[in-house]
Amino acid sequence: MKRERAINAAVVLAMLVVPLWAWMADEPFILTLATKVAILALAGVGLNIALGLGGLVSFGHAAFFGIGGYAMGILASHVQSYTPLMEWPLLIEGSKSMPVIWVVAMMASGLAALVIGALSLRTSGVYFIMITLAFGQMLYYFAISWSAYGGEDGLSIYVRNGFPGLNTLDPVQFLLLCYAVLGVVLFGAARLARSPFGLALSAARQSAARVETVGIAPYRVRLVAFAISGAVTGLAGALYADLNRFVSPTMFSWHTSGEIMVFVILGGVARLFGPVAGAALYILLEHLLGGVSDYWQIWLGLLLLAVVLFARGGLIGTLAGREVAHD
């Protein structure tokens, strides 16, 4: 564990040094890339709760990512257009406050994960994968047909939402805010993994039958973990929409689900900082190779194949050697 902690510390240091250099060198694009890494890493941490701890291979986490994004877009658009979200039976207005939007995004995506999980977790293996994928695609096509909020064209937000005491339009302040959110969620994920609930979830992943013999229902444990996972991914979706000041149906697409899973696999499944390292590596490859060729995903595919075949622990696991994961 000492080696993995050192690697995690190095990842944190790199995430601080790179933006600091970009700020001193007046490179706002690099600051934006660093912010994107933090937000996508947050989505990966959400998936890692279900995949790394619970062994739930979900290919529909874009559903929760998109719900979080649309929660931001809908709330902010009603403030932007000076129209209430609902007038009857209660007057509900939109919001430009990030804390309010985050709470709504996490509640909406967590509730959706609870419903989807309640149905999907009755199956396992490839059937679970396909059901989660189907729910994500259902929401994708619903968003395309939802003309009230842009439909296929998406929805633009002209001014970034606010956070008390901060100027979120300043790239550095928004970056630090995203880093703070990521840090809080990573701390929570670490505590969750070591809690009795996390140990029960890990045990259910290894042997559901043995967990049942001691009076713990694997279905309920997995369902709660799936809901928590969805809520965290929804929070990432809200931040991502705020970063771009734009939300579109592509946030629901299966490509997005695949990318989130790639972050986790590249960095290391069940490794606390695996999604962070994976997201950073993905964005780095996209930035460096994307300018060379439009087909840079070929090299990403080869790297992913190498990780699956020869480095099952991902980047963090390979560097940590034979040390066990955080769970």
Protein backbone atom coordinates (compact mmCIF):
# COMPACT_ATOMS: atom_id res chain seq x y z
CA MET A 1 0.00 0.00 0.00
CA LYS A 2 2.93 2.35 0.62
CA ARG A 3 3.96 2.22 -3.03
CA GLU A 4 0.41 2.89 -4.20
CA ARG A 5 0.08 5.82 -1.81
CA ALA A 6 3.29 7.26 -3.22
CA ILE A 7 1.91 6.87 -6.74
CA ASN A 8 -1.35 8.53 -5.69
CA ALA A 9 0.62 11.41 -4.20
CA ALA A 10 2.55 11.75 -7.46
CA VAL A 11 -0.74 11.92 -9.40
CA VAL A 12 -2.01 14.65 -7.08
CA LEU A 13 1.27 16.56 -7.43
CA ALA A 14 1.11 16.33 -11.23
CA MET A 15 -2.46 17.59 -11.24
CA LEU A 16 -1.34 20.62 -9.26
CA VAL A 17 1.92 21.32 -11.07
CA VAL A 18 0.52 21.20 -14.61
CA PRO A 19 -2.24 23.80 -14.02
CA LEU A 20 0.21 25.96 -12.07
CA TRP A 21 2.61 25.91 -15.03
CA ALA A 22 -0.28 26.63 -17.42
CA TRP A 23 -1.39 29.58 -15.31
CA MET A 24 2.13 31.02 -15.12
CA ALA A 25 2.68 30.47 -18.85
CA ASP A 26 -0.73 31.99 -19.67
CA GLU A 27 -2.05 28.81 -21.31
CA PRO A 28 -5.82 28.85 -20.68
CA PHE A 29 -6.34 25.84 -22.97
CA ILE A 30 -4.20 23.65 -20.71
CA LEU A 31 -6.23 24.86 -17.72
CA THR A 32 -9.38 23.78 -19.53
CA LEU A 33 -7.87 20.36 -20.26
CA ALA A 34 -6.93 19.97 -16.59
CA THR A 35 -10.47 20.88 -15.58
CA LYS A 36 -11.82 18.34 -18.05
CA VAL A 37 -9.54 15.68 -16.56
CA ALA A 38 -10.86 16.39 -13.05
CA ILE A 39 -14.50 16.20 -14.17
CA LEU A 40 -14.08 13.03 -16.24
CA ALA A 41 -12.08 11.48 -13.40
CA LEU A 42 -15.05 12.24 -11.14
CA ALA A 43 -17.32 10.32 -13.53
CA GLY A 44 -14.80 7.46 -13.47
CA VAL A 45 -14.78 7.43 -9.66
CA GLY A 46 -18.56 7.07 -9.80
CA LEU A 47 -18.34 4.08 -12.12
CA ASN A 48 -15.48 2.59 -10.09
CA ILE A 49 -17.77 2.33 -7.06
CA ALA A 50 -20.02 0.00 -9.02
CA LEU A 51 -17.36 -1.70 -11.15
CA GLY A 52 -14.35 -1.81 -8.85
CA LEU A 53 -16.08 -2.53 -5.55
CA GLY A 54 -19.22 -4.28 -6.73
CA GLY A 55 -18.03 -5.95 -9.93
CA LEU A 56 -20.98 -4.40 -11.81
CA VAL A 57 -19.97 -3.90 -15.43
CA SER A 58 -22.36 -1.10 -16.35
CA PHE A 59 -22.36 0.09 -19.93
CA GLY A 60 -25.08 2.65 -19.29
CA HIS A 61 -23.46 5.13 -16.92
CA ALA A 62 -23.82 7.78 -19.59
CA ALA A 63 -27.48 7.82 -18.56
CA PHE A 64 -26.55 9.29 -15.18
CA PHE A 65 -23.88 11.53 -16.72
CA GLY A 66 -26.50 12.94 -19.09
CA ILE A 67 -29.15 13.32 -16.39
CA GLY A 68 -26.72 15.39 -14.35
CA GLY A 69 -25.91 17.51 -17.39
CA TYR A 70 -29.55 18.08 -18.26
CA ALA A 71 -30.35 18.90 -14.62
CA MET A 72 -27.89 21.77 -14.96
CA GLY A 73 -29.12 22.77 -18.40
CA ILE A 74 -32.80 22.79 -17.49
CA LEU A 75 -32.39 24.71 -14.24
CA ALA A 76 -30.06 27.29 -15.78
CA SER A 77 -32.11 27.72 -18.96
CA HIS A 78 -35.22 28.72 -17.03
CA VAL A 79 -33.28 31.43 -15.26
CA GLN A 80 -31.81 32.46 -18.60
CA SER A 81 -35.26 32.71 -20.22
CA TYR A 82 -36.93 34.25 -17.13
CA THR A 83 -39.56 31.50 -17.02
CA PRO A 84 -40.36 29.23 -14.04
CA LEU A 85 -39.69 25.53 -14.27
CA MET A 86 -43.14 24.79 -12.87
CA GLU A 87 -46.08 27.03 -11.93
CA TRP A 88 -48.65 24.52 -10.74
CA PRO A 89 -49.26 23.03 -8.20
CA LEU A 90 -46.08 24.63 -6.83
CA LEU A 91 -44.03 27.50 -8.17
CA ILE A 92 -40.57 26.13 -8.93
CA GLU A 93 -38.02 28.39 -10.52
CA GLY A 94 -34.70 27.57 -12.13
CA SER A 95 -31.34 28.17 -10.51
CA LYS A 96 -27.87 29.45 -11.37
CA SER A 97 -26.38 28.31 -8.06
CA MET A 98 -23.96 25.42 -8.43
CA PRO A 99 -24.66 23.89 -4.99
CA VAL A 100 -28.40 23.78 -5.76
CA ILE A 101 -27.77 22.33 -9.21
CA TRP A 102 -25.40 19.70 -7.80
CA VAL A 103 -27.97 18.55 -5.25
CA VAL A 104 -30.67 18.30 -7.94
CA ALA A 105 -28.31 16.51 -10.33
CA MET A 106 -27.25 13.96 -7.71
CA MET A 107 -30.82 13.35 -6.56
CA ALA A 108 -32.12 12.94 -10.12
CA SER A 109 -29.30 10.67 -11.29
CA GLY A 110 -29.28 8.72 -8.01
CA LEU A 111 -33.02 8.10 -8.27
CA ALA A 112 -32.64 7.04 -11.91
CA ALA A 113 -29.83 4.67 -10.90
CA LEU A 114 -32.06 3.25 -8.18
CA VAL A 115 -34.84 2.50 -10.67
CA ILE A 116 -32.51 1.20 -13.39
CA GLY A 117 -30.54 -0.83 -10.88
CA ALA A 118 -33.68 -2.34 -9.35
CA LEU A 119 -34.48 -3.83 -12.76
CA SER A 120 -30.97 -4.49 -14.09
CA LEU A 121 -29.62 -6.19 -10.97
CA ARG A 122 -32.15 -8.99 -11.32
CA THR A 123 -29.83 -10.22 -14.06
CA SER A 124 -26.06 -10.66 -14.24
CA GLY A 125 -23.20 -10.92 -16.69
CA VAL A 126 -23.85 -9.92 -20.28
CA TYR A 127 -27.57 -9.47 -19.59
CA PHE A 128 -26.81 -6.81 -16.98
CA ILE A 129 -24.47 -5.06 -19.42
CA MET A 130 -27.08 -5.03 -22.18
CA ILE A 131 -29.91 -3.81 -19.93
CA THR A 132 -27.87 -0.88 -18.63
CA LEU A 133 -26.87 -0.08 -22.21
CA ALA A 134 -30.53 -0.21 -23.28
CA PHE A 135 -31.58 2.27 -20.59
CA GLY A 136 -28.83 4.65 -21.65
CA GLN A 137 -29.92 4.48 -25.27
CA MET A 138 -33.56 5.01 -24.30
CA LEU A 139 -32.63 8.25 -22.56
CA TYR A 140 -30.42 9.23 -25.50
CA TYR A 141 -33.32 9.01 -27.97
CA PHE A 142 -35.65 10.69 -25.49
CA ALA A 143 -33.24 13.65 -25.25
CA ILE A 144 -33.09 13.86 -29.07
CA SER A 145 -36.87 14.14 -29.25
CA TRP A 146 -37.14 16.56 -26.28
CA SER A 147 -37.64 19.69 -28.36
CA ALA A 148 -38.46 21.84 -25.31
CA TYR A 149 -34.78 21.66 -24.34
CA GLY A 150 -33.08 21.79 -27.72
CA GLY A 151 -33.69 18.27 -28.96
CA GLU A 152 -30.90 17.03 -31.20
CA ASP A 153 -29.25 20.48 -31.25
CA GLY A 154 -28.72 20.56 -27.50
CA LEU A 155 -29.06 23.47 -25.11
CA SER A 156 -26.64 26.37 -24.65
CA ILE A 157 -26.13 28.25 -21.39
CA TYR A 158 -24.68 31.71 -21.95
CA VAL A 159 -23.18 32.36 -18.52
CA ARG A 160 -21.55 29.78 -16.24
CA ASN A 161 -23.40 29.09 -13.01
CA GLY A 162 -22.14 30.65 -9.80
CA PHE A 163 -20.61 29.38 -6.59
CA PRO A 164 -20.61 31.54 -3.41
CA GLY A 165 -17.39 33.52 -3.07
CA LEU A 166 -15.93 32.46 -6.42
CA ASN A 167 -15.78 33.83 -9.94
CA THR A 168 -16.48 30.63 -11.84
CA LEU A 169 -15.76 32.33 -15.18
CA ASP A 170 -12.12 32.52 -14.07
CA PRO A 171 -10.55 29.28 -15.40
CA VAL A 172 -8.27 28.91 -12.35
CA GLN A 173 -11.07 29.31 -9.81
CA PHE A 174 -13.35 26.90 -11.66
CA LEU A 175 -10.48 24.41 -11.94
CA LEU A 176 -9.81 24.58 -8.19
CA LEU A 177 -13.52 24.13 -7.50
CA CYS A 178 -13.59 20.98 -9.64
CA TYR A 179 -10.44 19.73 -7.90
CA ALA A 180 -12.07 20.31 -4.52
CA VAL A 181 -15.18 18.36 -5.53
CA LEU A 182 -13.02 15.53 -6.88
CA GLY A 183 -10.99 15.47 -3.65
CA VAL A 184 -14.12 15.26 -1.49
CA VAL A 185 -15.54 12.43 -3.60
CA LEU A 186 -12.22 10.53 -3.57
CA PHE A 187 -12.13 10.84 0.21
CA GLY A 188 -15.70 9.57 0.41
CA ALA A 189 -14.92 6.68 -1.96
CA ALA A 190 -11.93 5.67 0.18
CA ARG A 191 -14.05 5.72 3.34
CA LEU A 192 -16.81 3.80 1.59
CA ALA A 193 -14.39 1.07 0.48
CA ARG A 194 -13.21 0.54 4.07
CA SER A 195 -16.64 0.78 5.68
CA PRO A 196 -18.72 -2.28 6.64
CA PHE A 197 -20.91 -1.54 3.62
CA GLY A 198 -17.91 -1.46 1.31
CA LEU A 199 -16.57 -4.71 2.72
CA ALA A 200 -20.00 -6.33 2.26
CA LEU A 201 -20.11 -5.06 -1.33
CA SER A 202 -16.64 -6.44 -2.03
CA ALA A 203 -17.61 -9.76 -0.47
CA ALA A 204 -20.76 -9.90 -2.60
CA ARG A 205 -18.59 -9.39 -5.68
CA GLN A 206 -16.38 -12.32 -4.72
CA SER A 207 -19.05 -14.75 -3.51
CA ALA A 208 -22.71 -13.76 -3.29
CA ALA A 209 -23.67 -17.15 -1.86
CA ARG A 210 -21.34 -16.78 1.11
CA VAL A 211 -22.63 -13.27 1.80
CA GLU A 212 -26.20 -14.59 1.87
CA THR A 213 -25.28 -17.21 4.45
CA VAL A 214 -24.36 -14.48 6.97
CA GLY A 215 -27.66 -12.67 6.48
CA ILE A 216 -26.66 -9.95 3.99
CA ALA A 217 -28.75 -9.52 0.84
CA PRO A 218 -26.33 -9.03 -2.10
CA TYR A 219 -29.10 -7.50 -4.22
CA ARG A 220 -29.74 -4.68 -1.75
CA VAL A 221 -26.05 -3.96 -1.21
CA ARG A 222 -25.43 -3.80 -4.95
CA LEU A 223 -28.51 -1.64 -5.51
CA VAL A 224 -27.38 0.94 -2.95
CA ALA A 225 -23.87 0.96 -4.46
CA PHE A 226 -25.34 1.39 -7.95
CA ALA A 227 -27.42 4.35 -6.76
CA ILE A 228 -24.39 6.00 -5.12
CA SER A 229 -22.38 5.36 -8.27
CA GLY A 230 -25.08 6.97 -10.41
CA ALA A 231 -25.32 10.02 -8.14
CA VAL A 232 -21.56 10.67 -8.32
CA THR A 233 -21.59 10.28 -12.11
CA GLY A 234 -24.53 12.70 -12.29
CA LEU A 235 -22.53 15.26 -10.33
CA ALA A 236 -19.75 14.91 -12.90
CA GLY A 237 -22.30 15.43 -15.67
CA ALA A 238 -23.48 18.69 -14.10
CA LEU A 239 -19.90 19.97 -13.85
CA TYR A 240 -19.12 18.89 -17.41
CA ALA A 241 -22.15 20.77 -18.73
CA ASP A 242 -21.04 23.82 -16.74
CA LEU A 243 -17.53 23.56 -18.18
CA ASN A 244 -18.84 23.62 -21.75
CA ARG A 245 -21.91 25.74 -20.95
CA PHE A 246 -23.71 23.34 -23.24
CA VAL A 247 -25.64 20.12 -22.87
CA SER A 248 -26.66 17.73 -25.65
CA PRO A 249 -27.99 14.18 -26.16
CA THR A 250 -24.44 12.95 -26.82
CA MET A 251 -23.93 12.95 -23.05
CA PHE A 252 -26.30 9.95 -23.01
CA SER A 253 -24.63 8.05 -25.85
CA TRP A 254 -23.00 4.66 -25.45
CA HIS A 255 -19.74 6.26 -26.59
CA THR A 256 -19.75 8.28 -23.37
CA SER A 257 -20.35 5.14 -21.32
CA GLY A 258 -17.44 3.49 -23.09
CA GLU A 259 -15.13 6.43 -22.44
CA ILE A 260 -15.94 6.44 -18.72
CA MET A 261 -15.18 2.73 -18.56
CA VAL A 262 -11.92 3.27 -20.45
CA PHE A 263 -10.80 5.77 -17.79
CA VAL A 264 -11.31 3.16 -15.09
CA ILE A 265 -9.63 0.33 -17.01
CA LEU A 266 -6.62 2.40 -18.08
CA GLY A 267 -6.00 3.72 -14.57
CA GLY A 268 -6.84 0.53 -12.72
CA VAL A 269 -10.13 -1.06 -11.71
CA ALA A 270 -10.76 -0.81 -7.94
CA ARG A 271 -7.78 1.51 -7.52
CA LEU A 272 -8.75 4.71 -5.73
CA PHE A 273 -6.84 7.00 -8.09
CA GLY A 274 -7.26 4.72 -11.09
CA PRO A 275 -9.97 6.85 -12.75
CA VAL A 276 -7.88 9.99 -12.18
CA ALA A 277 -4.79 8.50 -13.83
CA GLY A 278 -6.93 6.97 -16.59
CA ALA A 279 -8.73 10.23 -17.40
CA ALA A 280 -5.43 12.13 -17.43
CA LEU A 281 -3.85 9.57 -19.76
CA TYR A 282 -6.88 9.61 -22.06
CA ILE A 283 -6.96 13.42 -22.36
CA LEU A 284 -3.18 13.48 -22.85
CA LEU A 285 -3.41 10.99 -25.71
CA GLU A 286 -6.34 12.88 -27.23
CA HIS A 287 -4.41 16.15 -27.07
CA LEU A 288 -1.09 14.82 -28.36
CA LEU A 289 -2.25 12.27 -30.93
CA GLY A 290 -5.46 14.06 -31.97
CA GLY A 291 -3.38 16.78 -33.61
CA VAL A 292 -1.41 14.19 -35.55
CA SER A 293 -4.23 12.03 -36.89
CA ASP A 294 -8.00 11.87 -36.85
CA TYR A 295 -7.64 8.16 -36.12
CA TRP A 296 -5.78 8.52 -32.83
CA GLN A 297 -8.27 6.12 -31.20
CA ILE A 298 -6.41 3.30 -32.95
CA TRP A 299 -3.44 3.87 -30.63
CA LEU A 300 -5.80 4.16 -27.68
CA GLY A 301 -7.32 0.82 -28.66
CA LEU A 302 -3.90 -0.81 -28.82
CA LEU A 303 -3.00 0.61 -25.42
CA LEU A 304 -6.29 -0.60 -23.96
CA LEU A 305 -5.68 -4.05 -25.43
CA ALA A 306 -2.22 -4.14 -23.87
CA VAL A 307 -3.62 -3.14 -20.48
CA VAL A 308 -6.31 -5.83 -20.59
CA LEU A 309 -3.87 -8.55 -21.69
CA PHE A 310 -0.70 -7.68 -19.79
CA ALA A 311 -1.48 -5.09 -17.11
CA ARG A 312 -4.79 -6.03 -15.53
CA GLY A 313 -4.22 -3.55 -12.72
CA GLY A 314 -4.03 -0.64 -15.13
CA LEU A 315 -1.50 2.15 -14.81
CA ILE A 316 -1.72 2.41 -11.02
CA GLY A 317 -1.70 -1.35 -10.53
CA THR A 318 1.29 -1.85 -12.82
CA LEU A 319 3.34 0.80 -11.04
CA ALA A 320 2.28 -0.49 -7.62
CA GLY A 321 3.41 -4.01 -8.50
CA ARG A 322 1.82 -6.87 -6.55
CA GLU A 323 0.19 -4.63 -3.94
CA VAL A 324 -3.53 -5.12 -3.52
CA ALA A 325 -6.14 -2.55 -4.50
CA HIS A 326 -7.67 -0.15 -2.01
CA ASP A 327 -10.72 -2.29 -1.37
